[in-house]
PDB file of all heavy atoms in Angstrom:
ATOM      1  N   GLN A   1       0.818  -1.206   0.000  1.00  0.00           N
ATOM      2  CA  GLN A   1       0.000   0.000   0.000  1.00  0.00           C
ATOM      3  C   GLN A   1       0.853   1.258   0.000  1.00  0.00           C
ATOM      4  O   GLN A   1       0.502   2.258  -0.635  1.00  0.00           O
ATOM      5  CB  GLN A   1      -0.918   0.002   1.222  1.00  0.00           C
ATOM      6  CG  GLN A   1      -1.987  -1.064   1.186  1.00  0.00           C
ATOM      7  CD  GLN A   1      -2.825  -1.064   2.446  1.00  0.00           C
ATOM      8  OE1 GLN A   1      -3.816  -0.344   2.541  1.00  0.00           O
ATOM      9  NE2 GLN A   1      -2.416  -1.851   3.425  1.00  0.00           N
ATOM     10  N   ARG A   2       1.981   1.194   0.678  1.00  0.00           N
ATOM     11  CA  ARG A   2       2.882   2.340   0.754  1.00  0.00           C
ATOM     12  C   ARG A   2       3.387   2.730  -0.635  1.00  0.00           C
ATOM     13  O   ARG A   2       3.591   3.898  -0.938  1.00  0.00           O
ATOM     14  CB  ARG A   2       4.072   1.978   1.655  1.00  0.00           C
ATOM     15  CG  ARG A   2       5.012   3.121   1.969  1.00  0.00           C
ATOM     16  CD  ARG A   2       4.417   4.042   3.007  1.00  0.00           C
ATOM     17  NE  ARG A   2       5.397   4.990   3.488  1.00  0.00           N
ATOM     18  CZ  ARG A   2       5.162   5.913   4.411  1.00  0.00           C
ATOM     19  NH1 ARG A   2       3.977   5.974   4.963  1.00  0.00           N
ATOM     20  NH2 ARG A   2       6.096   6.755   4.792  1.00  0.00           N
ATOM     21  N   ASP A   3       3.548   1.734  -1.482  1.00  0.00           N
ATOM     22  CA  ASP A   3       4.031   1.995  -2.837  1.00  0.00           C
ATOM     23  C   ASP A   3       2.898   2.092  -3.841  1.00  0.00           C
ATOM     24  O   ASP A   3       3.125   2.035  -5.045  1.00  0.00           O
ATOM     25  CB  ASP A   3       5.007   0.889  -3.256  1.00  0.00           C
ATOM     26  CG  ASP A   3       6.059   1.417  -4.219  1.00  0.00           C
ATOM     27  OD1 ASP A   3       6.344   2.623  -4.179  1.00  0.00           O
ATOM     28  OD2 ASP A   3       6.558   0.630  -5.022  1.00  0.00           O
ATOM     29  N   LYS A   4       1.640   2.207  -3.322  1.00  0.00           N
ATOM     30  CA  LYS A   4       0.452   2.423  -4.159  1.00  0.00           C
ATOM     31  C   LYS A   4       0.277   1.332  -5.228  1.00  0.00           C
ATOM     32  O   LYS A   4      -0.086   1.609  -6.374  1.00  0.00           O
ATOM     33  CB  LYS A   4       0.501   3.810  -4.803  1.00  0.00           C
ATOM     34  CG  LYS A   4       0.448   4.949  -3.788  1.00  0.00           C
ATOM     35  CD  LYS A   4       0.467   6.306  -4.473  1.00  0.00           C
ATOM     36  CE  LYS A   4       0.230   7.425  -3.468  1.00  0.00           C
ATOM     37  NZ  LYS A   4       1.194   7.452  -2.359  1.00  0.00           N
ATOM     38  N   LEU A   5       0.542   0.092  -4.840  1.00  0.00           N
ATOM     39  CA  LEU A   5       0.359  -1.035  -5.745  1.00  0.00           C
ATOM     40  C   LEU A   5      -1.082  -1.544  -5.650  1.00  0.00           C
ATOM     41  O   LEU A   5      -1.736  -1.371  -4.618  1.00  0.00           O
ATOM     42  CB  LEU A   5       1.340  -2.154  -5.388  1.00  0.00           C
ATOM     43  CG  LEU A   5       2.821  -1.782  -5.504  1.00  0.00           C
ATOM     44  CD1 LEU A   5       3.689  -2.915  -4.970  1.00  0.00           C
ATOM     45  CD2 LEU A   5       3.196  -1.460  -6.944  1.00  0.00           C
ATOM     46  N   PRO A   6      -1.588  -2.181  -6.694  1.00  0.00           N
ATOM     47  CA  PRO A   6      -2.976  -2.677  -6.682  1.00  0.00           C
ATOM     48  C   PRO A   6      -3.162  -3.800  -5.655  1.00  0.00           C
ATOM     49  O   PRO A   6      -2.590  -4.882  -5.794  1.00  0.00           O
ATOM     50  CB  PRO A   6      -3.186  -3.204  -8.105  1.00  0.00           C
ATOM     51  CG  PRO A   6      -2.125  -2.557  -8.931  1.00  0.00           C
ATOM     52  CD  PRO A   6      -0.950  -2.375  -8.021  1.00  0.00           C
ATOM     53  N   VAL A   7      -3.943  -3.531  -4.630  1.00  0.00           N
ATOM     54  CA  VAL A   7      -4.248  -4.511  -3.581  1.00  0.00           C
ATOM     55  C   VAL A   7      -5.750  -4.745  -3.577  1.00  0.00           C
ATOM     56  O   VAL A   7      -6.532  -3.802  -3.467  1.00  0.00           O
ATOM     57  CB  VAL A   7      -3.793  -4.014  -2.196  1.00  0.00           C
ATOM     58  CG1 VAL A   7      -4.189  -5.021  -1.118  1.00  0.00           C
ATOM     59  CG2 VAL A   7      -2.280  -3.777  -2.176  1.00  0.00           C
ATOM     60  N   TYR A   8      -6.154  -6.004  -3.705  1.00  0.00           N
ATOM     61  CA  TYR A   8      -7.580  -6.338  -3.738  1.00  0.00           C
ATOM     62  C   TYR A   8      -7.948  -7.145  -2.507  1.00  0.00           C
ATOM     63  O   TYR A   8      -7.376  -8.206  -2.233  1.00  0.00           O
ATOM     64  CB  TYR A   8      -7.912  -7.133  -4.999  1.00  0.00           C
ATOM     65  CG  TYR A   8      -9.355  -7.581  -5.057  1.00  0.00           C
ATOM     66  CD1 TYR A   8     -10.393  -6.654  -5.129  1.00  0.00           C
ATOM     67  CD2 TYR A   8      -9.679  -8.939  -5.048  1.00  0.00           C
ATOM     68  CE1 TYR A   8     -11.713  -7.061  -5.188  1.00  0.00           C
ATOM     69  CE2 TYR A   8     -11.005  -9.354  -5.115  1.00  0.00           C
ATOM     70  CZ  TYR A   8     -12.015  -8.405  -5.180  1.00  0.00           C
ATOM     71  OH  TYR A   8     -13.325  -8.807  -5.223  1.00  0.00           O
ATOM     72  N   GLU A   9      -8.906  -6.621  -1.748  1.00  0.00           N
ATOM     73  CA  GLU A   9      -9.403  -7.331  -0.574  1.00  0.00           C
ATOM     74  C   GLU A   9     -10.650  -8.103  -0.994  1.00  0.00           C
ATOM     75  O   GLU A   9     -11.664  -7.515  -1.371  1.00  0.00           O
ATOM     76  CB  GLU A   9      -9.715  -6.343   0.551  1.00  0.00           C
ATOM     77  CG  GLU A   9      -9.905  -7.006   1.898  1.00  0.00           C
ATOM     78  CD  GLU A   9      -9.908  -6.012   3.047  1.00  0.00           C
ATOM     79  OE1 GLU A   9      -9.942  -4.791   2.809  1.00  0.00           O
ATOM     80  OE2 GLU A   9      -9.873  -6.469   4.206  1.00  0.00           O
ATOM     81  N   MET A  10     -10.563  -9.421  -0.909  1.00  0.00           N
ATOM     82  CA  MET A  10     -11.586 -10.304  -1.468  1.00  0.00           C
ATOM     83  C   MET A  10     -12.479 -10.882  -0.369  1.00  0.00           C
ATOM     84  O   MET A  10     -11.990 -11.455   0.603  1.00  0.00           O
ATOM     85  CB  MET A  10     -10.883 -11.444  -2.215  1.00  0.00           C
ATOM     86  CG  MET A  10     -11.796 -12.361  -2.974  1.00  0.00           C
ATOM     87  SD  MET A  10     -10.840 -13.597  -3.906  1.00  0.00           S
ATOM     88  CE  MET A  10     -10.891 -14.964  -2.767  1.00  0.00           C
ATOM     89  N   PRO A  11     -13.775 -10.747  -0.483  1.00  0.00           N
ATOM     90  CA  PRO A  11     -14.670 -11.335   0.528  1.00  0.00           C
ATOM     91  C   PRO A  11     -14.615 -12.857   0.494  1.00  0.00           C
ATOM     92  O   PRO A  11     -14.584 -13.455  -0.578  1.00  0.00           O
ATOM     93  CB  PRO A  11     -16.051 -10.822   0.122  1.00  0.00           C
ATOM     94  CG  PRO A  11     -15.933 -10.507  -1.333  1.00  0.00           C
ATOM     95  CD  PRO A  11     -14.529 -10.054  -1.555  1.00  0.00           C
ATOM     96  N   VAL A  12     -14.566 -13.463   1.680  1.00  0.00           N
ATOM     97  CA  VAL A  12     -14.512 -14.917   1.774  1.00  0.00           C
ATOM     98  C   VAL A  12     -15.420 -15.397   2.903  1.00  0.00           C
ATOM     99  O   VAL A  12     -15.826 -14.629   3.772  1.00  0.00           O
ATOM    100  CB  VAL A  12     -13.071 -15.427   2.052  1.00  0.00           C
ATOM    101  CG1 VAL A  12     -12.148 -15.100   0.885  1.00  0.00           C
ATOM    102  CG2 VAL A  12     -12.537 -14.868   3.368  1.00  0.00           C
ATOM    103  N   GLU A  13     -15.696 -16.673   2.881  1.00  0.00           N
ATOM    104  CA  GLU A  13     -16.311 -17.339   4.026  1.00  0.00           C
ATOM    105  C   GLU A  13     -15.167 -17.795   4.934  1.00  0.00           C
ATOM    106  O   GLU A  13     -14.102 -18.180   4.454  1.00  0.00           O
ATOM    107  CB  GLU A  13     -17.107 -18.559   3.572  1.00  0.00           C
ATOM    108  CG  GLU A  13     -18.253 -18.253   2.633  1.00  0.00           C
ATOM    109  CD  GLU A  13     -18.825 -19.519   2.021  1.00  0.00           C
ATOM    110  OE1 GLU A  13     -18.740 -20.589   2.663  1.00  0.00           O
ATOM    111  OE2 GLU A  13     -19.330 -19.442   0.891  1.00  0.00           O
ATOM    112  N   TRP A  14     -15.370 -17.742   6.226  1.00  0.00           N
ATOM    113  CA  TRP A  14     -14.315 -18.161   7.156  1.00  0.00           C
ATOM    114  C   TRP A  14     -14.967 -18.773   8.392  1.00  0.00           C
ATOM    115  O   TRP A  14     -15.892 -18.211   8.966  1.00  0.00           O
ATOM    116  CB  TRP A  14     -13.460 -16.966   7.562  1.00  0.00           C
ATOM    117  CG  TRP A  14     -12.208 -17.326   8.301  1.00  0.00           C
ATOM    118  CD1 TRP A  14     -10.980 -17.542   7.767  1.00  0.00           C
ATOM    119  CD2 TRP A  14     -12.062 -17.489   9.720  1.00  0.00           C
ATOM    120  NE1 TRP A  14     -10.071 -17.842   8.746  1.00  0.00           N
ATOM    121  CE2 TRP A  14     -10.708 -17.822   9.964  1.00  0.00           C
ATOM    122  CE3 TRP A  14     -12.932 -17.404  10.810  1.00  0.00           C
ATOM    123  CZ2 TRP A  14     -10.211 -18.052  11.244  1.00  0.00           C
ATOM    124  CZ3 TRP A  14     -12.444 -17.635  12.080  1.00  0.00           C
ATOM    125  CH2 TRP A  14     -11.104 -17.952  12.282  1.00  0.00           C
ATOM    126  N   LYS A  15     -14.474 -19.936   8.770  1.00  0.00           N
ATOM    127  CA  LYS A  15     -15.017 -20.623   9.937  1.00  0.00           C
ATOM    128  C   LYS A  15     -13.886 -21.125  10.823  1.00  0.00           C
ATOM    129  O   LYS A  15     -12.993 -21.828  10.357  1.00  0.00           O
ATOM    130  CB  LYS A  15     -15.906 -21.805   9.516  1.00  0.00           C
ATOM    131  CG  LYS A  15     -16.603 -22.494  10.673  1.00  0.00           C
ATOM    132  CD  LYS A  15     -17.526 -23.603  10.188  1.00  0.00           C
ATOM    133  CE  LYS A  15     -18.236 -24.271  11.359  1.00  0.00           C
ATOM    134  NZ  LYS A  15     -19.141 -25.356  10.910  1.00  0.00           N
ATOM    135  N   GLU A  16     -13.924 -20.751  12.086  1.00  0.00           N
ATOM    136  CA  GLU A  16     -12.902 -21.194  13.035  1.00  0.00           C
ATOM    137  C   GLU A  16     -12.919 -22.721  13.119  1.00  0.00           C
ATOM    138  O   GLU A  16     -13.977 -23.330  13.301  1.00  0.00           O
ATOM    139  CB  GLU A  16     -13.193 -20.580  14.410  1.00  0.00           C
ATOM    140  CG  GLU A  16     -12.058 -20.714  15.395  1.00  0.00           C
ATOM    141  CD  GLU A  16     -12.272 -19.816  16.610  1.00  0.00           C
ATOM    142  OE1 GLU A  16     -12.193 -18.583  16.462  1.00  0.00           O
ATOM    143  OE2 GLU A  16     -12.566 -20.343  17.696  1.00  0.00           O
ATOM    144  N   GLN A  17     -11.730 -23.327  12.988  1.00  0.00           N
ATOM    145  CA  GLN A  17     -11.642 -24.778  12.916  1.00  0.00           C
ATOM    146  C   GLN A  17     -11.262 -25.404  14.266  1.00  0.00           C
ATOM    147  O   GLN A  17     -10.562 -24.806  15.080  1.00  0.00           O
ATOM    148  CB  GLN A  17     -10.618 -25.185  11.860  1.00  0.00           C
ATOM    149  CG  GLN A  17     -10.977 -24.694  10.462  1.00  0.00           C
ATOM    150  CD  GLN A  17     -12.290 -25.271   9.969  1.00  0.00           C
ATOM    151  OE1 GLN A  17     -12.475 -26.477   9.938  1.00  0.00           O
ATOM    152  NE2 GLN A  17     -13.212 -24.388   9.577  1.00  0.00           N
ATOM    153  N   LYS A  18     -11.691 -26.628  14.458  1.00  0.00           N
ATOM    154  CA  LYS A  18     -11.471 -27.345  15.722  1.00  0.00           C
ATOM    155  C   LYS A  18     -10.007 -27.536  16.031  1.00  0.00           C
ATOM    156  O   LYS A  18      -9.567 -27.366  17.170  1.00  0.00           O
ATOM    157  CB  LYS A  18     -12.171 -28.708  15.651  1.00  0.00           C
ATOM    158  CG  LYS A  18     -11.995 -29.572  16.891  1.00  0.00           C
ATOM    159  CD  LYS A  18     -12.723 -30.894  16.726  1.00  0.00           C
ATOM    160  CE  LYS A  18     -12.514 -31.793  17.946  1.00  0.00           C
ATOM    161  NZ  LYS A  18     -13.206 -33.104  17.787  1.00  0.00           N
ATOM    162  N   TYR A  19      -9.208 -27.894  15.019  1.00  0.00           N
ATOM    163  CA  TYR A  19      -7.811 -28.230  15.267  1.00  0.00           C
ATOM    164  C   TYR A  19      -6.851 -27.104  14.917  1.00  0.00           C
ATOM    165  O   TYR A  19      -5.669 -27.335  14.743  1.00  0.00           O
ATOM    166  CB  TYR A  19      -7.418 -29.475  14.448  1.00  0.00           C
ATOM    167  CG  TYR A  19      -8.174 -30.712  14.860  1.00  0.00           C
ATOM    168  CD1 TYR A  19      -9.147 -31.262  14.019  1.00  0.00           C
ATOM    169  CD2 TYR A  19      -7.919 -31.338  16.081  1.00  0.00           C
ATOM    170  CE1 TYR A  19      -9.841 -32.401  14.393  1.00  0.00           C
ATOM    171  CE2 TYR A  19      -8.623 -32.477  16.454  1.00  0.00           C
ATOM    172  CZ  TYR A  19      -9.574 -33.002  15.599  1.00  0.00           C
ATOM    173  OH  TYR A  19     -10.269 -34.122  15.962  1.00  0.00           O
ATOM    174  N   THR A  20      -7.347 -25.883  14.805  1.00  0.00           N
ATOM    175  CA  THR A  20      -6.472 -24.801  14.392  1.00  0.00           C
ATOM    176  C   THR A  20      -5.320 -24.590  15.376  1.00  0.00           C
ATOM    177  O   THR A  20      -5.485 -24.700  16.588  1.00  0.00           O
ATOM    178  CB  THR A  20      -7.247 -23.485  14.223  1.00  0.00           C
ATOM    179  OG1 THR A  20      -6.360 -22.495  13.717  1.00  0.00           O
ATOM    180  CG2 THR A  20      -7.829 -22.993  15.538  1.00  0.00           C
ATOM    181  N   LYS A  21      -4.137 -24.291  14.825  1.00  0.00           N
ATOM    182  CA  LYS A  21      -2.969 -23.964  15.645  1.00  0.00           C
ATOM    183  C   LYS A  21      -2.612 -22.495  15.514  1.00  0.00           C
ATOM    184  O   LYS A  21      -1.598 -22.042  16.012  1.00  0.00           O
ATOM    185  CB  LYS A  21      -1.762 -24.812  15.209  1.00  0.00           C
ATOM    186  CG  LYS A  21      -1.932 -26.301  15.479  1.00  0.00           C
ATOM    187  CD  LYS A  21      -1.978 -26.589  16.965  1.00  0.00           C
ATOM    188  CE  LYS A  21      -1.938 -28.088  17.261  1.00  0.00           C
ATOM    189  NZ  LYS A  21      -3.020 -28.837  16.663  1.00  0.00           N
ATOM    190  N   VAL A  22      -3.439 -21.732  14.779  1.00  0.00           N
ATOM    191  CA  VAL A  22      -3.178 -20.315  14.593  1.00  0.00           C
ATOM    192  C   VAL A  22      -3.330 -19.608  15.933  1.00  0.00           C
ATOM    193  O   VAL A  22      -4.364 -19.691  16.584  1.00  0.00           O
ATOM    194  CB  VAL A  22      -4.150 -19.705  13.563  1.00  0.00           C
ATOM    195  CG1 VAL A  22      -3.911 -18.215  13.431  1.00  0.00           C
ATOM    196  CG2 VAL A  22      -3.969 -20.399  12.222  1.00  0.00           C
ATOM    197  N   SER A  23      -2.286 -18.912  16.325  1.00  0.00           N
ATOM    198  CA  SER A  23      -2.268 -18.278  17.640  1.00  0.00           C
ATOM    199  C   SER A  23      -3.182 -17.068  17.695  1.00  0.00           C
ATOM    200  O   SER A  23      -3.264 -16.288  16.756  1.00  0.00           O
ATOM    201  CB  SER A  23      -0.832 -17.834  17.967  1.00  0.00           C
ATOM    202  OG  SER A  23      -0.797 -17.040  19.114  1.00  0.00           O
ATOM    203  N   SER A  24      -3.874 -16.914  18.833  1.00  0.00           N
ATOM    204  CA  SER A  24      -4.647 -15.694  19.032  1.00  0.00           C
ATOM    205  C   SER A  24      -3.729 -14.543  19.382  1.00  0.00           C
ATOM    206  O   SER A  24      -4.170 -13.399  19.495  1.00  0.00           O
ATOM    207  CB  SER A  24      -5.680 -15.886  20.145  1.00  0.00           C
ATOM    208  OG  SER A  24      -5.038 -16.211  21.357  1.00  0.00           O
ATOM    209  N   SER A  25      -2.450 -14.877  19.566  1.00  0.00           N
ATOM    210  CA  SER A  25      -1.373 -13.888  19.602  1.00  0.00           C
ATOM    211  C   SER A  25      -1.131 -13.217  20.939  1.00  0.00           C
ATOM    212  O   SER A  25      -1.909 -13.299  21.865  1.00  0.00           O
ATOM    213  CB  SER A  25      -1.598 -12.820  18.542  1.00  0.00           C
ATOM    214  OG  SER A  25      -2.623 -11.943  18.948  1.00  0.00           O
ATOM    215  N   ASP A  26       0.007 -12.538  20.964  1.00  0.00           N
ATOM    216  CA  ASP A  26       0.453 -11.760  22.106  1.00  0.00           C
ATOM    217  C   ASP A  26       0.223 -10.296  21.762  1.00  0.00           C
ATOM    218  O   ASP A  26       0.918  -9.742  20.898  1.00  0.00           O
ATOM    219  CB  ASP A  26       1.936 -12.052  22.352  1.00  0.00           C
ATOM    220  CG  ASP A  26       2.526 -11.183  23.448  1.00  0.00           C
ATOM    221  OD1 ASP A  26       1.779 -10.376  24.026  1.00  0.00           O
ATOM    222  OD2 ASP A  26       3.731 -11.310  23.706  1.00  0.00           O
ATOM    223  N   PRO A  27      -0.732  -9.625  22.403  1.00  0.00           N
ATOM    224  CA  PRO A  27      -1.040  -8.233  22.056  1.00  0.00           C
ATOM    225  C   PRO A  27       0.178  -7.310  22.121  1.00  0.00           C
ATOM    226  O   PRO A  27       0.340  -6.434  21.270  1.00  0.00           O
ATOM    227  CB  PRO A  27      -2.085  -7.834  23.108  1.00  0.00           C
ATOM    228  CG  PRO A  27      -2.720  -9.122  23.502  1.00  0.00           C
ATOM    229  CD  PRO A  27      -1.621 -10.144  23.447  1.00  0.00           C
ATOM    230  N   LEU A  28       1.044  -7.515  23.106  1.00  0.00           N
ATOM    231  CA  LEU A  28       2.217  -6.664  23.244  1.00  0.00           C
ATOM    232  C   LEU A  28       3.154  -6.812  22.050  1.00  0.00           C
ATOM    233  O   LEU A  28       3.711  -5.834  21.543  1.00  0.00           O
ATOM    234  CB  LEU A  28       2.970  -7.004  24.538  1.00  0.00           C
ATOM    235  CG  LEU A  28       4.184  -6.116  24.860  1.00  0.00           C
ATOM    236  CD1 LEU A  28       3.760  -4.657  24.967  1.00  0.00           C
ATOM    237  CD2 LEU A  28       4.841  -6.586  26.159  1.00  0.00           C
ATOM    238  N   TYR A  29       3.313  -8.050  21.558  1.00  0.00           N
ATOM    239  CA  TYR A  29       4.157  -8.298  20.385  1.00  0.00           C
ATOM    240  C   TYR A  29       3.628  -7.541  19.173  1.00  0.00           C
ATOM    241  O   TYR A  29       4.386  -6.911  18.423  1.00  0.00           O
ATOM    242  CB  TYR A  29       4.209  -9.803  20.094  1.00  0.00           C
ATOM    243  CG  TYR A  29       4.459 -10.170  18.648  1.00  0.00           C
ATOM    244  CD1 TYR A  29       5.716  -9.988  18.071  1.00  0.00           C
ATOM    245  CD2 TYR A  29       3.432 -10.691  17.866  1.00  0.00           C
ATOM    246  CE1 TYR A  29       5.934 -10.320  16.741  1.00  0.00           C
ATOM    247  CE2 TYR A  29       3.650 -11.025  16.550  1.00  0.00           C
ATOM    248  CZ  TYR A  29       4.898 -10.844  15.984  1.00  0.00           C
ATOM    249  OH  TYR A  29       5.104 -11.159  14.671  1.00  0.00           O
ATOM    250  N   PHE A  30       2.314  -7.583  18.963  1.00  0.00           N
ATOM    251  CA  PHE A  30       1.744  -6.899  17.806  1.00  0.00           C
ATOM    252  C   PHE A  30       1.850  -5.383  17.936  1.00  0.00           C
ATOM    253  O   PHE A  30       2.127  -4.683  16.953  1.00  0.00           O
ATOM    254  CB  PHE A  30       0.292  -7.321  17.599  1.00  0.00           C
ATOM    255  CG  PHE A  30       0.150  -8.637  16.899  1.00  0.00           C
ATOM    256  CD1 PHE A  30      -0.369  -9.739  17.548  1.00  0.00           C
ATOM    257  CD2 PHE A  30       0.557  -8.777  15.577  1.00  0.00           C
ATOM    258  CE1 PHE A  30      -0.495 -10.954  16.896  1.00  0.00           C
ATOM    259  CE2 PHE A  30       0.429  -9.994  14.916  1.00  0.00           C
ATOM    260  CZ  PHE A  30      -0.094 -11.085  15.579  1.00  0.00           C
ATOM    261  N   ILE A  31       1.638  -4.862  19.131  1.00  0.00           N
ATOM    262  CA  ILE A  31       1.756  -3.413  19.338  1.00  0.00           C
ATOM    263  C   ILE A  31       3.194  -2.960  19.069  1.00  0.00           C
ATOM    264  O   ILE A  31       3.435  -1.954  18.385  1.00  0.00           O
ATOM    265  CB  ILE A  31       1.328  -3.035  20.771  1.00  0.00           C
ATOM    266  CG1 ILE A  31      -0.185  -3.238  20.925  1.00  0.00           C
ATOM    267  CG2 ILE A  31       1.686  -1.579  21.066  1.00  0.00           C
ATOM    268  CD1 ILE A  31      -0.688  -3.104  22.347  1.00  0.00           C
ATOM    269  N   LYS A  32       4.167  -3.716  19.578  1.00  0.00           N
ATOM    270  CA  LYS A  32       5.574  -3.381  19.332  1.00  0.00           C
ATOM    271  C   LYS A  32       5.897  -3.448  17.845  1.00  0.00           C
ATOM    272  O   LYS A  32       6.639  -2.613  17.315  1.00  0.00           O
ATOM    273  CB  LYS A  32       6.474  -4.350  20.104  1.00  0.00           C
ATOM    274  CG  LYS A  32       6.532  -4.099  21.603  1.00  0.00           C
ATOM    275  CD  LYS A  32       7.482  -5.087  22.262  1.00  0.00           C
ATOM    276  CE  LYS A  32       7.615  -4.806  23.754  1.00  0.00           C
ATOM    277  NZ  LYS A  32       8.526  -5.784  24.418  1.00  0.00           N
ATOM    278  N   SER A  33       5.348  -4.450  17.162  1.00  0.00           N
ATOM    279  CA  SER A  33       5.605  -4.613  15.729  1.00  0.00           C
ATOM    280  C   SER A  33       5.033  -3.445  14.931  1.00  0.00           C
ATOM    281  O   SER A  33       5.669  -2.932  14.002  1.00  0.00           O
ATOM    282  CB  SER A  33       4.997  -5.929  15.228  1.00  0.00           C
ATOM    283  OG  SER A  33       5.593  -7.042  15.867  1.00  0.00           O
ATOM    284  N   ILE A  34       3.825  -3.016  15.282  1.00  0.00           N
ATOM    285  CA  ILE A  34       3.192  -1.891  14.602  1.00  0.00           C
ATOM    286  C   ILE A  34       4.001  -0.613  14.798  1.00  0.00           C
ATOM    287  O   ILE A  34       4.283   0.125  13.841  1.00  0.00           O
ATOM    288  CB  ILE A  34       1.752  -1.701  15.110  1.00  0.00           C
ATOM    289  CG1 ILE A  34       0.859  -2.842  14.610  1.00  0.00           C
ATOM    290  CG2 ILE A  34       1.177  -0.355  14.651  1.00  0.00           C
ATOM    291  CD1 ILE A  34      -0.527  -2.876  15.236  1.00  0.00           C
ATOM    292  N   LEU A  35       4.422  -0.366  16.033  1.00  0.00           N
ATOM    293  CA  LEU A  35       5.202   0.841  16.317  1.00  0.00           C
ATOM    294  C   LEU A  35       6.580   0.779  15.667  1.00  0.00           C
ATOM    295  O   LEU A  35       7.093   1.793  15.181  1.00  0.00           O
ATOM    296  CB  LEU A  35       5.332   1.032  17.831  1.00  0.00           C
ATOM    297  CG  LEU A  35       4.019   1.309  18.578  1.00  0.00           C
ATOM    298  CD1 LEU A  35       4.272   1.414  20.078  1.00  0.00           C
ATOM    299  CD2 LEU A  35       3.367   2.593  18.053  1.00  0.00           C
ATOM    300  N   ARG A  36       7.176  -0.400  15.637  1.00  0.00           N
ATOM    301  CA  ARG A  36       8.481  -0.558  14.981  1.00  0.00           C
ATOM    302  C   ARG A  36       8.381  -0.243  13.506  1.00  0.00           C
ATOM    303  O   ARG A  36       9.196   0.499  12.942  1.00  0.00           O
ATOM    304  CB  ARG A  36       8.971  -1.999  15.193  1.00  0.00           C
ATOM    305  CG  ARG A  36      10.393  -2.292  14.665  1.00  0.00           C
ATOM    306  CD  ARG A  36      10.375  -2.899  13.279  1.00  0.00           C
ATOM    307  NE  ARG A  36       9.613  -4.147  13.236  1.00  0.00           N
ATOM    308  CZ  ARG A  36       9.231  -4.705  12.095  1.00  0.00           C
ATOM    309  NH1 ARG A  36       9.508  -4.128  10.924  1.00  0.00           N
ATOM    310  NH2 ARG A  36       8.526  -5.828  12.101  1.00  0.00           N
TER     311      ARG A  36
END
């Protein structure tokens, strides 16, 4: 986005899965990453 390139956000169906390993994350890590 910073370089004004074509980015398309596509609508999808999404359902939380039983065996997902995707982390709900560490809020502090994300805040530090955004500020960095």
